[in-house]
Amino acid sequence: MTAQNGLETTIDWLLANRPPRGGELERQIGDPFDYEREDALLARWRATAPAPEEAPLPEQGHQYRHPRAPGEAWSAGRG
């Protein structure tokens, strides 16, 4: 079985065997399955978060040196 098959099997089983709301599993893990509240939280976040294409991005670069000559110092913005 591949990881993909395992994930699909697990999802299928969970969908067919949903734990009851307020049941023993929720009480044991201390995490109520409040899907309506989670959906409302996501809706509020999406309403206030900028669209990905509008979000400002920092200047790109990374910390690894790519010297062009022996002993050359690292500087931001050079690839």
N, C-alpha and C. Protein backbone atom coordinates (compact mmCIF):
# COMPACT_ATOMS: atom_id res chain seq x y z
N MET A 1 0.85 -1.18 0.00
CA MET A 1 0.00 0.00 0.00
C MET A 1 0.89 1.24 0.00
N THR A 2 0.56 2.18 -0.84
CA THR A 2 1.32 3.43 -0.89
C THR A 2 0.79 4.40 0.16
N ALA A 3 1.55 5.46 0.42
CA ALA A 3 1.10 6.49 1.35
C ALA A 3 -0.21 7.11 0.88
N GLN A 4 -0.32 7.32 -0.43
CA GLN A 4 -1.56 7.89 -0.99
C GLN A 4 -2.74 6.96 -0.73
N ASN A 5 -2.56 5.65 -0.97
CA ASN A 5 -3.63 4.69 -0.71
C ASN A 5 -4.00 4.67 0.78
N GLY A 6 -2.99 4.73 1.63
CA GLY A 6 -3.24 4.73 3.07
C GLY A 6 -4.03 5.94 3.51
N LEU A 7 -3.69 7.09 2.96
CA LEU A 7 -4.42 8.31 3.29
C LEU A 7 -5.86 8.23 2.81
N GLU A 8 -6.06 7.74 1.58
CA GLU A 8 -7.41 7.59 1.05
C GLU A 8 -8.23 6.62 1.89
N THR A 9 -7.63 5.50 2.28
CA THR A 9 -8.33 4.52 3.11
C THR A 9 -8.71 5.11 4.46
N THR A 10 -7.79 5.86 5.05
CA THR A 10 -8.06 6.48 6.34
C THR A 10 -9.19 7.49 6.24
N ILE A 11 -9.15 8.33 5.22
CA ILE A 11 -10.21 9.34 5.03
C ILE A 11 -11.55 8.66 4.82
N ASP A 12 -11.58 7.64 3.97
CA ASP A 12 -12.84 6.91 3.73
C ASP A 12 -13.38 6.33 5.03
N TRP A 13 -12.51 5.73 5.85
CA TRP A 13 -12.95 5.14 7.10
C TRP A 13 -13.48 6.21 8.05
N LEU A 14 -12.75 7.33 8.16
CA LEU A 14 -13.20 8.39 9.06
C LEU A 14 -14.54 8.98 8.62
N LEU A 15 -14.74 9.13 7.32
CA LEU A 15 -16.02 9.64 6.83
C LEU A 15 -17.16 8.66 7.10
N ALA A 16 -16.88 7.38 7.02
CA ALA A 16 -17.90 6.37 7.27
C ALA A 16 -18.14 6.11 8.75
N ASN A 17 -17.20 6.53 9.59
CA ASN A 17 -17.28 6.24 11.04
C ASN A 17 -17.06 7.51 11.85
N ARG A 18 -17.77 8.56 11.51
CA ARG A 18 -17.59 9.83 12.20
C ARG A 18 -17.93 9.68 13.68
N PRO A 19 -17.09 10.21 14.54
CA PRO A 19 -17.40 10.13 15.97
C PRO A 19 -18.59 11.05 16.27
N PRO A 20 -19.46 10.65 17.19
CA PRO A 20 -20.61 11.48 17.52
C PRO A 20 -20.19 12.77 18.23
N ARG A 21 -20.85 13.86 17.89
CA ARG A 21 -20.56 15.13 18.56
C ARG A 21 -20.89 15.01 20.04
N GLY A 22 -19.95 15.49 20.85
CA GLY A 22 -20.13 15.43 22.30
C GLY A 22 -19.90 14.05 22.88
N GLY A 23 -19.46 13.11 22.05
CA GLY A 23 -19.28 11.73 22.49
C GLY A 23 -17.98 11.51 23.24
N GLU A 24 -17.72 10.23 23.49
CA GLU A 24 -16.56 9.84 24.28
C GLU A 24 -15.25 10.33 23.69
N LEU A 25 -15.08 10.22 22.36
CA LEU A 25 -13.82 10.64 21.75
C LEU A 25 -13.57 12.13 21.97
N GLU A 26 -14.58 12.95 21.77
CA GLU A 26 -14.41 14.40 22.01
C GLU A 26 -14.02 14.66 23.45
N ARG A 27 -14.66 13.96 24.38
CA ARG A 27 -14.34 14.18 25.79
C ARG A 27 -12.92 13.71 26.11
N GLN A 28 -12.49 12.61 25.50
CA GLN A 28 -11.15 12.08 25.77
C GLN A 28 -10.06 13.01 25.25
N ILE A 29 -10.23 13.52 24.04
CA ILE A 29 -9.16 14.35 23.47
C ILE A 29 -9.31 15.82 23.83
N GLY A 30 -10.45 16.19 24.40
CA GLY A 30 -10.65 17.58 24.83
C GLY A 30 -10.69 18.55 23.67
N ASP A 31 -11.15 18.09 22.51
CA ASP A 31 -11.19 18.94 21.32
C ASP A 31 -12.54 18.74 20.64
N PRO A 32 -13.52 19.55 20.99
CA PRO A 32 -14.85 19.36 20.40
C PRO A 32 -14.82 19.61 18.89
N PHE A 33 -15.59 18.82 18.19
CA PHE A 33 -15.68 18.94 16.74
C PHE A 33 -16.70 20.02 16.41
N ASP A 34 -16.30 21.27 16.50
CA ASP A 34 -17.21 22.39 16.27
C ASP A 34 -16.95 22.94 14.87
N TYR A 35 -17.41 22.21 13.87
CA TYR A 35 -17.10 22.57 12.48
C TYR A 35 -17.71 23.91 12.08
N GLU A 36 -18.92 24.20 12.57
CA GLU A 36 -19.54 25.47 12.23
C GLU A 36 -18.69 26.64 12.73
N ARG A 37 -18.18 26.51 13.94
CA ARG A 37 -17.35 27.58 14.50
C ARG A 37 -16.03 27.71 13.73
N GLU A 38 -15.44 26.57 13.36
CA GLU A 38 -14.20 26.61 12.57
C GLU A 38 -14.45 27.25 11.21
N ASP A 39 -15.59 26.90 10.57
CA ASP A 39 -15.93 27.50 9.28
C ASP A 39 -16.11 29.01 9.41
N ALA A 40 -16.77 29.46 10.49
CA ALA A 40 -16.96 30.89 10.71
C ALA A 40 -15.62 31.59 10.92
N LEU A 41 -14.72 30.96 11.67
CA LEU A 41 -13.39 31.53 11.89
C LEU A 41 -12.64 31.67 10.57
N LEU A 42 -12.69 30.64 9.73
CA LEU A 42 -12.02 30.71 8.42
C LEU A 42 -12.64 31.80 7.54
N ALA A 43 -13.96 31.93 7.58
CA ALA A 43 -14.63 32.97 6.78
C ALA A 43 -14.18 34.35 7.22
N ARG A 44 -14.08 34.58 8.53
CA ARG A 44 -13.61 35.89 9.03
C ARG A 44 -12.17 36.14 8.62
N TRP A 45 -11.34 35.11 8.72
CA TRP A 45 -9.93 35.27 8.35
C TRP A 45 -9.81 35.61 6.87
N ARG A 46 -10.55 34.87 6.03
CA ARG A 46 -10.48 35.11 4.59
C ARG A 46 -10.99 36.50 4.22
N ALA A 47 -11.95 37.01 5.00
CA ALA A 47 -12.51 38.34 4.71
C ALA A 47 -11.51 39.45 5.04
N THR A 48 -10.58 39.18 5.95
CA THR A 48 -9.64 40.22 6.37
C THR A 48 -8.24 40.03 5.79
N ALA A 49 -7.89 38.82 5.40
CA ALA A 49 -6.55 38.55 4.88
C ALA A 49 -6.46 39.04 3.44
N PRO A 50 -5.33 39.62 3.07
CA PRO A 50 -5.17 40.04 1.67
C PRO A 50 -5.10 38.82 0.75
N ALA A 51 -5.53 39.00 -0.47
CA ALA A 51 -5.40 37.93 -1.45
C ALA A 51 -3.91 37.67 -1.66
N PRO A 52 -3.54 36.40 -1.93
CA PRO A 52 -2.11 36.09 -2.08
C PRO A 52 -1.39 37.00 -3.07
N GLU A 53 -2.06 37.37 -4.16
CA GLU A 53 -1.39 38.21 -5.15
C GLU A 53 -1.22 39.65 -4.67
N GLU A 54 -1.93 40.03 -3.59
CA GLU A 54 -1.84 41.39 -3.06
C GLU A 54 -0.91 41.48 -1.85
N ALA A 55 -0.53 40.36 -1.27
CA ALA A 55 0.30 40.36 -0.08
C ALA A 55 1.71 40.81 -0.43
N PRO A 56 2.26 41.76 0.33
CA PRO A 56 3.63 42.21 0.03
C PRO A 56 4.64 41.12 0.38
N LEU A 57 5.64 40.98 -0.43
CA LEU A 57 6.68 40.00 -0.19
C LEU A 57 7.98 40.71 0.18
N PRO A 58 8.73 40.13 1.11
CA PRO A 58 10.02 40.74 1.44
C PRO A 58 10.98 40.57 0.28
N GLU A 59 12.05 41.36 0.30
CA GLU A 59 13.08 41.22 -0.72
C GLU A 59 13.64 39.80 -0.63
N GLN A 60 13.76 39.17 -1.77
CA GLN A 60 14.19 37.77 -1.78
C GLN A 60 15.70 37.66 -1.70
N GLY A 61 16.14 36.61 -1.08
CA GLY A 61 17.56 36.32 -0.93
C GLY A 61 17.71 35.15 0.02
N HIS A 62 18.90 34.72 0.26
CA HIS A 62 19.13 33.65 1.24
C HIS A 62 20.50 33.82 1.85
N GLN A 63 20.75 33.05 2.90
CA GLN A 63 21.96 33.26 3.69
C GLN A 63 23.20 32.55 3.14
N TYR A 64 23.07 31.77 2.10
CA TYR A 64 24.23 31.02 1.63
C TYR A 64 25.05 31.83 0.62
N ARG A 65 26.36 31.73 0.77
CA ARG A 65 27.26 32.46 -0.11
C ARG A 65 27.39 31.76 -1.45
N HIS A 66 27.53 32.57 -2.46
CA HIS A 66 27.86 32.08 -3.79
C HIS A 66 29.01 32.96 -4.32
N PRO A 67 30.18 32.80 -3.70
CA PRO A 67 31.29 33.66 -4.12
C PRO A 67 31.72 33.38 -5.56
N ARG A 68 32.17 34.42 -6.19
CA ARG A 68 32.67 34.29 -7.56
C ARG A 68 34.20 34.23 -7.58
N ALA A 69 34.79 34.54 -6.43
CA ALA A 69 36.25 34.50 -6.32
C ALA A 69 36.60 34.06 -4.91
N PRO A 70 37.75 33.42 -4.71
CA PRO A 70 38.15 33.00 -3.37
C PRO A 70 38.19 34.18 -2.41
N GLY A 71 37.62 33.98 -1.20
CA GLY A 71 37.64 35.02 -0.17
C GLY A 71 36.59 36.10 -0.34
N GLU A 72 35.78 36.05 -1.37
CA GLU A 72 34.77 37.08 -1.59
C GLU A 72 33.72 37.02 -0.48
N ALA A 73 33.37 38.17 0.07
CA ALA A 73 32.40 38.24 1.17
C ALA A 73 30.97 38.08 0.64
N TRP A 74 30.11 37.57 1.53
CA TRP A 74 28.69 37.42 1.21
C TRP A 74 28.03 38.79 1.23
N SER A 75 27.06 39.01 0.35
CA SER A 75 26.24 40.22 0.42
C SER A 75 24.83 39.86 -0.03
N ALA A 76 23.82 40.49 0.57
CA ALA A 76 22.42 40.21 0.25
C ALA A 76 22.13 40.56 -1.19
N GLY A 77 21.18 39.83 -1.78
CA GLY A 77 20.74 40.16 -3.10
C GLY A 77 21.58 39.57 -4.23
N ARG A 78 22.62 38.84 -3.89
CA ARG A 78 23.44 38.24 -4.95
C ARG A 78 23.15 36.75 -4.99
N GLY A 79 23.01 36.22 -6.16
CA GLY A 79 22.71 34.80 -6.28
C GLY A 79 23.85 34.01 -6.80
